[in-house]
């Protein structure tokens, strides 16, 4: 992997999305829950529901946004593709890849966090502490999953003929 791709994946598709998701998700959580004093771990409005929703929706939405951007960058020549033509991606459409990324977010990020939290963590947080947790969780998830999604989008773009890239 060349230095440009490494920088693209680590900074543009890792660090920057992590920072962006910290503030956006923290703000959304505050706006949706500002009337609460505490957030319980379980229940209809809870840390668990919010964490599961974030772990699924953040990757799905990221995939739907990032894939066309990367296709355009590949088409314009601003990203070179040192990716083998025989590299495989898990699904053909960005929506399907987003669903897979969402399942990865739930299975590899949200579920382990919630299982550990259920056994050793508090059963509720003050709103202030919940907002810090939510922003931090979204930042870490966003940084890691965005880089994976970008990698998949690069592979997908490398497999498309140039005419298809122009319309993406």
N, C-alpha and C. Protein backbone atom coordinates (compact mmCIF):
# COMPACT_ATOMS: atom_id res chain seq x y z
N UNK A 1 0.86 -1.17 0.00
CA UNK A 1 0.00 0.00 0.00
C UNK A 1 0.90 1.24 0.00
N UNK A 2 0.64 2.17 -0.92
CA UNK A 2 1.50 3.33 -1.00
C UNK A 2 1.16 4.35 0.10
N UNK A 3 2.04 5.32 0.27
CA UNK A 3 1.91 6.30 1.35
C UNK A 3 0.65 7.15 1.21
N UNK A 4 0.25 7.48 -0.02
CA UNK A 4 -0.95 8.28 -0.22
C UNK A 4 -2.20 7.54 0.26
N UNK A 5 -2.29 6.26 -0.06
CA UNK A 5 -3.44 5.47 0.38
C UNK A 5 -3.44 5.31 1.90
N UNK A 6 -2.27 5.06 2.49
CA UNK A 6 -2.18 4.95 3.95
C UNK A 6 -2.64 6.25 4.62
N UNK A 7 -2.18 7.39 4.11
CA UNK A 7 -2.58 8.67 4.66
C UNK A 7 -4.08 8.88 4.48
N UNK A 8 -4.58 8.55 3.30
CA UNK A 8 -6.00 8.70 3.02
C UNK A 8 -6.83 7.87 4.00
N UNK A 9 -6.44 6.63 4.22
CA UNK A 9 -7.21 5.75 5.11
C UNK A 9 -7.07 6.14 6.57
N UNK A 10 -5.88 6.54 7.00
CA UNK A 10 -5.69 6.84 8.42
C UNK A 10 -6.14 8.24 8.83
N UNK A 11 -5.86 9.23 7.97
CA UNK A 11 -6.22 10.60 8.33
C UNK A 11 -7.61 10.96 7.81
N UNK A 12 -7.77 10.93 6.47
CA UNK A 12 -9.04 11.37 5.87
C UNK A 12 -10.20 10.43 6.19
N UNK A 13 -9.94 9.15 6.30
CA UNK A 13 -11.02 8.20 6.55
C UNK A 13 -10.94 7.55 7.93
N UNK A 14 -10.06 8.01 8.78
CA UNK A 14 -9.94 7.50 10.14
C UNK A 14 -10.06 8.62 11.16
N UNK A 15 -9.02 9.43 11.26
CA UNK A 15 -8.96 10.49 12.26
C UNK A 15 -10.07 11.53 12.06
N UNK A 16 -10.22 12.03 10.84
CA UNK A 16 -11.22 13.08 10.59
C UNK A 16 -12.64 12.57 10.86
N UNK A 17 -13.03 11.40 10.35
CA UNK A 17 -14.37 10.91 10.71
C UNK A 17 -14.54 10.67 12.22
N UNK A 18 -13.48 10.27 12.89
CA UNK A 18 -13.56 10.08 14.33
C UNK A 18 -13.89 11.39 15.04
N UNK A 19 -13.20 12.45 14.68
CA UNK A 19 -13.46 13.77 15.28
C UNK A 19 -14.87 14.24 14.91
N UNK A 20 -15.22 14.13 13.65
CA UNK A 20 -16.54 14.53 13.17
C UNK A 20 -17.64 13.80 13.94
N UNK A 21 -17.51 12.48 14.07
CA UNK A 21 -18.52 11.69 14.77
C UNK A 21 -18.59 11.99 16.25
N UNK A 22 -17.47 12.37 16.86
CA UNK A 22 -17.47 12.76 18.27
C UNK A 22 -18.44 13.92 18.47
N UNK A 23 -18.29 14.96 17.67
CA UNK A 23 -19.10 16.16 17.86
C UNK A 23 -20.54 15.97 17.36
N UNK A 24 -20.71 15.36 16.20
CA UNK A 24 -22.06 15.18 15.65
C UNK A 24 -22.89 14.28 16.56
N UNK A 25 -22.36 13.13 16.92
CA UNK A 25 -23.13 12.20 17.75
C UNK A 25 -23.33 12.71 19.17
N UNK A 26 -22.34 13.40 19.71
CA UNK A 26 -22.52 14.02 21.02
C UNK A 26 -23.63 15.06 20.98
N UNK A 27 -23.65 15.87 19.91
CA UNK A 27 -24.69 16.88 19.75
C UNK A 27 -26.07 16.28 19.56
N UNK A 28 -26.15 15.25 18.75
CA UNK A 28 -27.45 14.58 18.53
C UNK A 28 -27.94 13.96 19.84
N UNK A 29 -27.05 13.32 20.57
CA UNK A 29 -27.44 12.71 21.84
C UNK A 29 -27.93 13.76 22.83
N UNK A 30 -27.24 14.90 22.88
CA UNK A 30 -27.68 15.97 23.77
C UNK A 30 -29.07 16.46 23.36
N UNK A 31 -29.25 16.72 22.06
CA UNK A 31 -30.53 17.26 21.57
C UNK A 31 -31.68 16.30 21.85
N UNK A 32 -31.46 15.00 21.64
CA UNK A 32 -32.52 14.02 21.84
C UNK A 32 -32.83 13.74 23.31
N UNK A 33 -31.84 13.96 24.18
CA UNK A 33 -32.00 13.54 25.58
C UNK A 33 -31.81 14.67 26.59
N UNK A 34 -31.79 15.91 26.15
CA UNK A 34 -31.48 17.04 27.05
C UNK A 34 -32.45 17.16 28.22
N UNK A 35 -33.64 16.60 28.10
CA UNK A 35 -34.62 16.69 29.18
C UNK A 35 -34.35 15.66 30.29
N UNK A 36 -33.49 14.70 30.05
CA UNK A 36 -33.22 13.64 31.04
C UNK A 36 -32.14 14.07 32.03
N UNK A 37 -32.25 13.56 33.24
CA UNK A 37 -31.19 13.76 34.21
C UNK A 37 -30.21 12.58 34.18
N UNK A 38 -30.78 11.38 33.97
CA UNK A 38 -29.94 10.18 33.89
C UNK A 38 -30.40 9.35 32.70
N UNK A 39 -29.50 8.48 32.25
CA UNK A 39 -29.80 7.56 31.15
C UNK A 39 -29.57 6.15 31.68
N UNK A 40 -30.64 5.32 31.70
CA UNK A 40 -30.48 3.95 32.18
C UNK A 40 -29.73 3.09 31.16
N UNK A 41 -29.14 2.01 31.62
CA UNK A 41 -28.45 1.10 30.73
C UNK A 41 -29.44 0.38 29.82
N UNK A 42 -30.57 -0.05 30.35
CA UNK A 42 -31.56 -0.80 29.59
C UNK A 42 -32.89 -0.08 29.59
N UNK A 43 -33.68 -0.29 28.56
CA UNK A 43 -35.01 0.29 28.44
C UNK A 43 -35.20 0.89 27.06
N UNK A 44 -36.40 1.44 26.85
CA UNK A 44 -36.73 2.00 25.54
C UNK A 44 -35.82 3.17 25.18
N UNK A 45 -35.64 4.07 26.10
CA UNK A 45 -34.65 5.15 25.95
C UNK A 45 -33.52 4.79 26.89
N UNK A 46 -32.41 4.31 26.32
CA UNK A 46 -31.34 3.78 27.17
C UNK A 46 -30.00 3.82 26.47
N UNK A 47 -28.98 3.59 27.25
CA UNK A 47 -27.62 3.50 26.73
C UNK A 47 -27.54 2.35 25.73
N UNK A 48 -28.16 1.22 26.06
CA UNK A 48 -28.09 0.04 25.18
C UNK A 48 -28.74 0.31 23.82
N UNK A 49 -29.95 0.86 23.83
CA UNK A 49 -30.65 1.13 22.57
C UNK A 49 -29.86 2.14 21.75
N UNK A 50 -29.39 3.18 22.39
CA UNK A 50 -28.63 4.21 21.68
C UNK A 50 -27.34 3.65 21.10
N UNK A 51 -26.65 2.82 21.88
CA UNK A 51 -25.39 2.23 21.43
C UNK A 51 -25.61 1.29 20.25
N UNK A 52 -26.64 0.45 20.33
CA UNK A 52 -26.95 -0.46 19.22
C UNK A 52 -27.34 0.30 17.97
N UNK A 53 -28.17 1.33 18.13
CA UNK A 53 -28.59 2.13 16.97
C UNK A 53 -27.40 2.84 16.34
N UNK A 54 -26.54 3.41 17.16
CA UNK A 54 -25.36 4.09 16.65
C UNK A 54 -24.44 3.11 15.93
N UNK A 55 -24.24 1.95 16.52
CA UNK A 55 -23.34 0.95 15.94
C UNK A 55 -23.83 0.45 14.60
N UNK A 56 -25.14 0.47 14.37
CA UNK A 56 -25.67 0.04 13.08
C UNK A 56 -25.79 1.19 12.09
N UNK A 57 -26.38 2.29 12.52
CA UNK A 57 -26.66 3.39 11.60
C UNK A 57 -25.42 4.16 11.16
N UNK A 58 -24.47 4.38 12.06
CA UNK A 58 -23.28 5.13 11.70
C UNK A 58 -22.53 4.46 10.53
N UNK A 59 -22.25 3.15 10.58
CA UNK A 59 -21.60 2.53 9.43
C UNK A 59 -22.45 2.54 8.16
N UNK A 60 -23.75 2.31 8.30
CA UNK A 60 -24.62 2.31 7.13
C UNK A 60 -24.62 3.67 6.44
N UNK A 61 -24.82 4.72 7.19
CA UNK A 61 -24.84 6.07 6.63
C UNK A 61 -23.46 6.44 6.08
N UNK A 62 -22.42 6.07 6.79
CA UNK A 62 -21.06 6.35 6.32
C UNK A 62 -20.82 5.69 4.97
N UNK A 63 -21.25 4.46 4.83
CA UNK A 63 -21.05 3.73 3.58
C UNK A 63 -21.79 4.41 2.43
N UNK A 64 -22.98 4.87 2.69
CA UNK A 64 -23.77 5.53 1.64
C UNK A 64 -23.18 6.88 1.24
N UNK A 65 -22.48 7.54 2.16
CA UNK A 65 -21.85 8.83 1.86
C UNK A 65 -20.47 8.65 1.24
N UNK A 66 -19.66 7.77 1.82
CA UNK A 66 -18.26 7.63 1.42
C UNK A 66 -18.09 6.97 0.05
N UNK A 67 -18.90 5.98 -0.26
CA UNK A 67 -18.71 5.23 -1.51
C UNK A 67 -18.77 6.12 -2.75
N UNK A 68 -19.79 6.96 -2.92
CA UNK A 68 -19.78 7.81 -4.11
C UNK A 68 -18.65 8.84 -4.12
N UNK A 69 -18.26 9.33 -2.96
CA UNK A 69 -17.15 10.29 -2.89
C UNK A 69 -15.87 9.63 -3.38
N UNK A 70 -15.62 8.41 -2.91
CA UNK A 70 -14.40 7.71 -3.32
C UNK A 70 -14.45 7.36 -4.80
N UNK A 71 -15.60 6.96 -5.30
CA UNK A 71 -15.73 6.67 -6.73
C UNK A 71 -15.36 7.90 -7.56
N UNK A 72 -15.82 9.07 -7.15
CA UNK A 72 -15.50 10.30 -7.87
C UNK A 72 -14.02 10.63 -7.78
N UNK A 73 -13.41 10.39 -6.62
CA UNK A 73 -11.97 10.65 -6.47
C UNK A 73 -11.16 9.71 -7.35
N UNK A 74 -11.59 8.46 -7.43
CA UNK A 74 -10.90 7.50 -8.29
C UNK A 74 -11.06 7.91 -9.75
N UNK A 75 -12.27 8.29 -10.13
CA UNK A 75 -12.56 8.69 -11.51
C UNK A 75 -11.76 9.94 -11.91
N UNK A 76 -11.62 10.89 -10.99
CA UNK A 76 -10.89 12.12 -11.28
C UNK A 76 -9.38 11.92 -11.25
N UNK A 77 -8.93 10.79 -10.73
CA UNK A 77 -7.51 10.52 -10.65
C UNK A 77 -6.84 11.06 -9.40
N UNK A 78 -7.63 11.60 -8.46
CA UNK A 78 -7.01 12.13 -7.24
C UNK A 78 -6.60 11.03 -6.26
N UNK A 79 -7.09 9.81 -6.48
CA UNK A 79 -6.64 8.65 -5.71
C UNK A 79 -6.18 7.61 -6.71
N UNK A 80 -4.97 7.12 -6.51
CA UNK A 80 -4.49 6.02 -7.34
C UNK A 80 -4.79 4.72 -6.63
N UNK A 81 -5.04 3.69 -7.42
CA UNK A 81 -5.48 2.43 -6.85
C UNK A 81 -4.43 1.33 -6.96
N UNK A 82 -3.68 1.13 -5.91
CA UNK A 82 -2.74 0.01 -5.90
C UNK A 82 -3.42 -1.25 -5.38
N UNK A 83 -4.64 -1.49 -5.86
CA UNK A 83 -5.44 -2.60 -5.36
C UNK A 83 -5.53 -3.65 -6.45
N UNK A 84 -5.26 -4.91 -6.12
CA UNK A 84 -5.36 -5.95 -7.14
C UNK A 84 -6.77 -6.05 -7.70
N UNK A 85 -6.87 -6.27 -8.99
CA UNK A 85 -8.18 -6.38 -9.63
C UNK A 85 -8.99 -7.57 -9.10
N UNK A 86 -8.31 -8.58 -8.56
CA UNK A 86 -9.02 -9.75 -8.06
C UNK A 86 -9.40 -9.62 -6.59
N UNK A 87 -9.16 -8.45 -5.97
CA UNK A 87 -9.59 -8.24 -4.59
C UNK A 87 -11.11 -8.29 -4.54
N UNK A 88 -11.65 -8.88 -3.51
CA UNK A 88 -13.10 -9.04 -3.40
C UNK A 88 -13.64 -8.19 -2.25
N UNK A 89 -14.83 -7.67 -2.46
CA UNK A 89 -15.52 -6.94 -1.42
C UNK A 89 -16.74 -7.76 -1.00
N UNK A 90 -17.28 -7.53 0.20
CA UNK A 90 -18.32 -8.41 0.71
C UNK A 90 -19.68 -8.29 0.04
N UNK A 91 -19.98 -7.24 -0.66
CA UNK A 91 -21.28 -7.10 -1.32
C UNK A 91 -21.15 -6.14 -2.49
N UNK A 92 -22.06 -6.24 -3.43
CA UNK A 92 -21.93 -5.46 -4.65
C UNK A 92 -22.38 -4.01 -4.52
N UNK A 93 -23.38 -3.71 -3.73
CA UNK A 93 -23.86 -2.33 -3.66
C UNK A 93 -23.40 -1.67 -2.36
N UNK A 94 -23.36 -0.34 -2.39
CA UNK A 94 -22.94 0.38 -1.18
C UNK A 94 -23.96 0.18 -0.05
N UNK A 95 -25.24 0.04 -0.39
CA UNK A 95 -26.25 -0.21 0.65
C UNK A 95 -26.01 -1.57 1.31
N UNK A 96 -25.73 -2.58 0.52
CA UNK A 96 -25.45 -3.91 1.10
C UNK A 96 -24.18 -3.89 1.93
N UNK A 97 -23.15 -3.21 1.42
CA UNK A 97 -21.92 -3.09 2.22
C UNK A 97 -22.21 -2.32 3.51
N UNK A 98 -23.09 -1.32 3.42
CA UNK A 98 -23.48 -0.57 4.62
C UNK A 98 -24.19 -1.45 5.64
N UNK A 99 -25.05 -2.34 5.15
CA UNK A 99 -25.72 -3.28 6.06
C UNK A 99 -24.71 -4.21 6.73
N UNK A 100 -23.74 -4.67 5.95
CA UNK A 100 -22.69 -5.53 6.52
C UNK A 100 -21.86 -4.75 7.53
N UNK A 101 -21.49 -3.51 7.18
CA UNK A 101 -20.72 -2.68 8.11
C UNK A 101 -21.52 -2.41 9.38
N UNK A 102 -22.84 -2.20 9.24
CA UNK A 102 -23.69 -2.01 10.41
C UNK A 102 -23.73 -3.25 11.29
N UNK A 103 -23.80 -4.41 10.67
CA UNK A 103 -23.77 -5.66 11.44
C UNK A 103 -22.42 -5.82 12.15
N UNK A 104 -21.35 -5.44 11.48
CA UNK A 104 -20.02 -5.47 12.12
C UNK A 104 -20.00 -4.51 13.30
N UNK A 105 -20.55 -3.32 13.11
CA UNK A 105 -20.60 -2.35 14.20
C UNK A 105 -21.33 -2.88 15.41
N UNK A 106 -22.46 -3.53 15.17
CA UNK A 106 -23.24 -4.10 16.28
C UNK A 106 -22.49 -5.27 16.92
N UNK A 107 -22.03 -6.20 16.07
CA UNK A 107 -21.42 -7.42 16.59
C UNK A 107 -20.05 -7.24 17.23
N UNK A 108 -19.22 -6.41 16.62
CA UNK A 108 -17.84 -6.27 17.12
C UNK A 108 -17.62 -5.08 18.04
N UNK A 109 -18.54 -4.12 18.02
CA UNK A 109 -18.37 -2.94 18.86
C UNK A 109 -19.44 -2.84 19.95
N UNK A 110 -20.70 -2.75 19.54
CA UNK A 110 -21.76 -2.50 20.52
C UNK A 110 -21.96 -3.67 21.48
N UNK A 111 -22.09 -4.88 20.96
CA UNK A 111 -22.38 -6.02 21.83
C UNK A 111 -21.30 -6.25 22.88
N UNK A 112 -20.02 -6.27 22.52
CA UNK A 112 -19.01 -6.44 23.58
C UNK A 112 -19.04 -5.33 24.63
N UNK A 113 -19.22 -4.08 24.18
CA UNK A 113 -19.28 -2.96 25.12
C UNK A 113 -20.47 -3.15 26.07
N UNK A 114 -21.62 -3.49 25.53
CA UNK A 114 -22.81 -3.65 26.37
C UNK A 114 -22.72 -4.86 27.29
N UNK A 115 -22.12 -5.94 26.81
CA UNK A 115 -21.96 -7.11 27.69
C UNK A 115 -21.05 -6.79 28.86
N UNK A 116 -19.93 -6.16 28.60
CA UNK A 116 -19.02 -5.79 29.69
C UNK A 116 -19.71 -4.81 30.62
N UNK A 117 -20.35 -3.81 30.03
CA UNK A 117 -21.03 -2.79 30.83
C UNK A 117 -22.11 -3.41 31.71
N UNK A 118 -22.85 -4.37 31.18
CA UNK A 118 -23.92 -5.00 31.94
C UNK A 118 -23.39 -5.70 33.19
N UNK A 119 -22.21 -6.29 33.09
CA UNK A 119 -21.68 -7.05 34.21
C UNK A 119 -20.83 -6.23 35.17
N UNK A 120 -20.13 -5.22 34.67
CA UNK A 120 -19.23 -4.49 35.58
C UNK A 120 -19.47 -2.99 35.63
N UNK A 121 -20.35 -2.47 34.78
CA UNK A 121 -20.57 -1.03 34.72
C UNK A 121 -21.76 -0.59 35.54
N UNK A 122 -21.93 0.71 35.65
CA UNK A 122 -23.12 1.21 36.34
C UNK A 122 -24.37 0.95 35.51
N UNK A 123 -25.51 0.89 36.15
CA UNK A 123 -26.76 0.62 35.46
C UNK A 123 -27.43 1.90 34.93
N UNK A 124 -26.83 3.04 35.19
CA UNK A 124 -27.27 4.30 34.62
C UNK A 124 -26.13 5.30 34.68
N UNK A 125 -26.25 6.33 33.85
CA UNK A 125 -25.27 7.42 33.84
C UNK A 125 -26.01 8.74 33.94
N UNK A 126 -25.34 9.73 34.50
CA UNK A 126 -25.89 11.08 34.41
C UNK A 126 -25.90 11.45 32.92
N UNK A 127 -26.73 12.38 32.54
CA UNK A 127 -26.77 12.79 31.14
C UNK A 127 -25.40 13.25 30.68
N UNK A 128 -24.72 14.02 31.50
CA UNK A 128 -23.39 14.52 31.15
C UNK A 128 -22.43 13.37 30.84
N UNK A 129 -22.40 12.36 31.70
CA UNK A 129 -21.51 11.21 31.48
C UNK A 129 -21.95 10.38 30.28
N UNK A 130 -23.26 10.26 30.08
CA UNK A 130 -23.75 9.55 28.90
C UNK A 130 -23.30 10.24 27.63
N UNK A 131 -23.36 11.57 27.60
CA UNK A 131 -22.94 12.30 26.40
C UNK A 131 -21.47 12.08 26.09
N UNK A 132 -20.64 12.03 27.11
CA UNK A 132 -19.22 11.73 26.90
C UNK A 132 -19.03 10.31 26.36
N UNK A 133 -19.77 9.37 26.95
CA UNK A 133 -19.69 7.99 26.45
C UNK A 133 -20.13 7.91 25.00
N UNK A 134 -21.29 8.50 24.70
CA UNK A 134 -21.84 8.44 23.34
C UNK A 134 -20.89 9.06 22.34
N UNK A 135 -20.36 10.23 22.63
CA UNK A 135 -19.43 10.91 21.72
C UNK A 135 -18.16 10.08 21.54
N UNK A 136 -17.64 9.53 22.61
CA UNK A 136 -16.42 8.71 22.52
C UNK A 136 -16.65 7.42 21.75
N UNK A 137 -17.76 6.76 22.01
CA UNK A 137 -18.09 5.52 21.30
C UNK A 137 -18.21 5.79 19.80
N UNK A 138 -18.94 6.85 19.44
CA UNK A 138 -19.12 7.19 18.03
C UNK A 138 -17.80 7.58 17.38
N UNK A 139 -16.93 8.24 18.12
CA UNK A 139 -15.63 8.64 17.57
C UNK A 139 -14.78 7.42 17.24
N UNK A 140 -14.70 6.49 18.17
CA UNK A 140 -13.89 5.28 17.94
C UNK A 140 -14.50 4.44 16.83
N UNK A 141 -15.79 4.20 16.90
CA UNK A 141 -16.46 3.44 15.85
C UNK A 141 -16.29 4.13 14.50
N UNK A 142 -16.54 5.42 14.44
CA UNK A 142 -16.42 6.16 13.19
C UNK A 142 -15.03 6.09 12.60
N UNK A 143 -14.01 6.24 13.43
CA UNK A 143 -12.64 6.19 12.94
C UNK A 143 -12.29 4.81 12.37
N UNK A 144 -12.68 3.77 13.06
CA UNK A 144 -12.31 2.42 12.62
C UNK A 144 -13.17 1.95 11.44
N UNK A 145 -14.46 2.15 11.51
CA UNK A 145 -15.33 1.62 10.47
C UNK A 145 -15.22 2.44 9.19
N UNK A 146 -14.96 3.74 9.30
CA UNK A 146 -14.81 4.58 8.11
C UNK A 146 -13.63 4.14 7.27
N UNK A 147 -12.54 3.78 7.92
CA UNK A 147 -11.36 3.31 7.18
C UNK A 147 -11.68 2.00 6.46
N UNK A 148 -12.38 1.10 7.11
CA UNK A 148 -12.79 -0.16 6.48
C UNK A 148 -13.71 0.10 5.29
N UNK A 149 -14.68 0.96 5.49
CA UNK A 149 -15.63 1.29 4.41
C UNK A 149 -14.90 1.94 3.25
N UNK A 150 -13.97 2.82 3.53
CA UNK A 150 -13.19 3.47 2.47
C UNK A 150 -12.38 2.44 1.69
N UNK A 151 -11.81 1.48 2.39
CA UNK A 151 -11.05 0.42 1.74
C UNK A 151 -11.96 -0.38 0.80
N UNK A 152 -13.14 -0.75 1.30
CA UNK A 152 -14.10 -1.46 0.46
C UNK A 152 -14.49 -0.63 -0.75
N UNK A 153 -14.71 0.68 -0.54
CA UNK A 153 -15.09 1.56 -1.66
C UNK A 153 -13.97 1.66 -2.68
N UNK A 154 -12.73 1.68 -2.23
CA UNK A 154 -11.59 1.70 -3.16
C UNK A 154 -11.55 0.41 -3.98
N UNK A 155 -11.79 -0.71 -3.34
CA UNK A 155 -11.81 -1.99 -4.07
C UNK A 155 -12.95 -1.99 -5.07
N UNK A 156 -14.14 -1.54 -4.64
CA UNK A 156 -15.29 -1.50 -5.54
C UNK A 156 -15.01 -0.59 -6.73
N UNK A 157 -14.41 0.57 -6.48
CA UNK A 157 -14.11 1.51 -7.56
C UNK A 157 -13.08 0.94 -8.51
N UNK A 158 -12.17 0.14 -7.99
CA UNK A 158 -11.14 -0.45 -8.86
C UNK A 158 -11.71 -1.51 -9.77
N UNK A 159 -12.88 -2.04 -9.41
CA UNK A 159 -13.51 -3.09 -10.21
C UNK A 159 -14.52 -2.55 -11.22
N UNK A 160 -14.81 -1.24 -11.16
CA UNK A 160 -15.78 -0.64 -12.09
C UNK A 160 -15.06 -0.11 -13.32
N UNK A 161 -15.70 -0.27 -14.49
CA UNK A 161 -15.17 0.39 -15.67
C UNK A 161 -15.30 1.90 -15.53
N UNK A 162 -14.43 2.69 -16.17
CA UNK A 162 -14.44 4.13 -16.01
C UNK A 162 -15.80 4.78 -16.29
N UNK A 163 -16.62 4.26 -17.23
CA UNK A 163 -17.92 4.87 -17.52
C UNK A 163 -18.82 4.82 -16.30
N UNK A 164 -18.77 3.71 -15.55
CA UNK A 164 -19.62 3.57 -14.37
C UNK A 164 -19.16 4.50 -13.27
N UNK A 165 -17.86 4.77 -13.19
CA UNK A 165 -17.36 5.66 -12.17
C UNK A 165 -17.87 7.08 -12.38
N UNK A 166 -18.01 7.48 -13.65
CA UNK A 166 -18.47 8.85 -13.93
C UNK A 166 -19.89 9.07 -13.45
N UNK A 167 -20.71 8.06 -13.48
CA UNK A 167 -22.10 8.23 -13.07
C UNK A 167 -22.32 7.98 -11.58
N UNK A 168 -21.31 7.52 -10.86
CA UNK A 168 -21.47 7.19 -9.44
C UNK A 168 -21.56 8.44 -8.57
